Amino acid sequence: MTLTTKQERFVTEYLVDLNATQAAIRAGYSEKTARQTGSENLSKPDIADAIADAHNKIAEKAEWSAVDRLRMLADISDADVQSSSG
């Protein structure tokens, strides 16, 4: 099952602060029912899968960023050592 536009927006907004109520409001659901709607959305398998997939992509990107930064720092350190000994 594919997500509706509003559900996709909910997923995106949920990833901002992991607050289902606020995500529901920002996604365009009624403020009066946002708490219930947010909770219901989190229990829907398709939405839960979309959130998990997005979390995995974010984690993967963050991991690569950290690895890239460590490599860059190592390169800088190596360059500094080589220039000091030369």
Protein backbone atom coordinates (compact mmCIF):
# COMPACT_ATOMS: atom_id res chain seq x y z
CA MET A 1 0.00 0.00 0.00
CA THR A 2 1.30 3.43 -0.85
CA LEU A 3 1.11 6.33 1.54
CA THR A 4 -1.18 9.27 0.95
CA THR A 5 0.35 12.70 0.55
CA LYS A 6 -0.67 13.58 4.10
CA GLN A 7 0.86 10.36 5.46
CA GLU A 8 4.12 11.04 3.60
CA ARG A 9 4.14 14.51 5.10
CA PHE A 10 3.53 12.98 8.53
CA VAL A 11 6.58 10.74 8.10
CA THR A 12 8.73 13.71 7.10
CA GLU A 13 7.46 15.84 9.97
CA TYR A 14 7.80 13.02 12.49
CA LEU A 15 11.49 12.75 11.68
CA VAL A 16 11.96 16.41 12.67
CA ASP A 17 11.38 15.90 16.40
CA LEU A 18 9.90 12.39 16.81
CA ASN A 19 6.71 13.96 18.16
CA ALA A 20 3.69 12.27 16.57
CA THR A 21 1.18 14.89 17.74
CA GLN A 22 3.15 17.81 16.36
CA ALA A 23 3.96 15.88 13.19
CA ALA A 24 0.24 15.28 12.63
CA ILE A 25 -0.52 18.98 13.09
CA ARG A 26 2.30 20.05 10.74
CA ALA A 27 1.15 17.43 8.20
CA GLY A 28 -2.27 19.04 8.09
CA TYR A 29 -4.36 16.85 10.38
CA SER A 30 -6.84 18.47 12.75
CA GLU A 31 -5.31 19.88 15.93
CA LYS A 32 -8.26 18.48 17.88
CA THR A 33 -7.49 14.91 16.85
CA ALA A 34 -3.74 15.22 16.25
CA ARG A 35 -2.72 13.18 19.29
CA GLN A 36 -4.93 10.25 18.33
CA THR A 37 -4.10 10.55 14.63
CA GLY A 38 -0.37 10.65 15.36
CA SER A 39 -0.64 7.54 17.51
CA GLU A 40 -2.72 5.73 14.90
CA ASN A 41 -0.28 6.70 12.15
CA LEU A 42 2.65 5.27 14.11
CA SER A 43 0.81 1.96 14.46
CA LYS A 44 0.16 1.61 10.72
CA PRO A 45 2.69 -0.81 9.21
CA ASP A 46 3.25 1.19 6.01
CA ILE A 47 3.94 4.37 7.94
CA ALA A 48 6.14 2.57 10.48
CA ASP A 49 8.13 1.04 7.60
CA ALA A 50 8.53 4.44 5.93
CA ILE A 51 9.80 5.94 9.21
CA ALA A 52 12.21 3.03 9.72
CA ASP A 53 13.52 3.35 6.15
CA ALA A 54 14.04 7.09 6.58
CA HIS A 55 15.81 6.57 9.92
CA ASN A 56 18.13 4.03 8.30
CA LYS A 57 18.98 6.42 5.47
CA ILE A 58 19.69 9.22 7.95
CA ALA A 59 21.87 6.94 10.09
CA GLU A 60 23.75 5.68 7.05
CA LYS A 61 24.40 9.21 5.84
CA ALA A 62 25.55 10.32 9.30
CA GLU A 63 27.85 7.32 9.57
CA TRP A 64 29.48 8.10 6.25
CA SER A 65 29.84 11.74 7.21
CA ALA A 66 31.62 10.74 10.40
CA VAL A 67 33.92 8.34 8.54
CA ASP A 68 34.71 10.99 5.93
CA ARG A 69 35.52 13.54 8.64
CA LEU A 70 37.81 11.12 10.44
CA ARG A 71 39.63 10.37 7.18
CA MET A 72 40.02 14.08 6.50
CA LEU A 73 41.43 14.68 9.99
CA ALA A 74 43.84 11.78 9.53
CA ASP A 75 44.99 13.23 6.19
CA ILE A 76 45.55 16.63 7.80
CA SER A 77 47.49 15.02 10.65
CA ASP A 78 49.62 13.00 8.24
CA ALA A 79 50.34 16.09 6.15
CA ASP A 80 51.34 18.04 9.25
CA VAL A 81 53.71 15.27 10.40
CA GLN A 82 55.30 15.03 6.95
CA SER A 83 55.80 18.79 6.68
CA SER A 84 57.32 18.96 10.19
CA SER A 85 59.81 16.20 9.52
CA GLY A 86 60.83 17.44 6.09
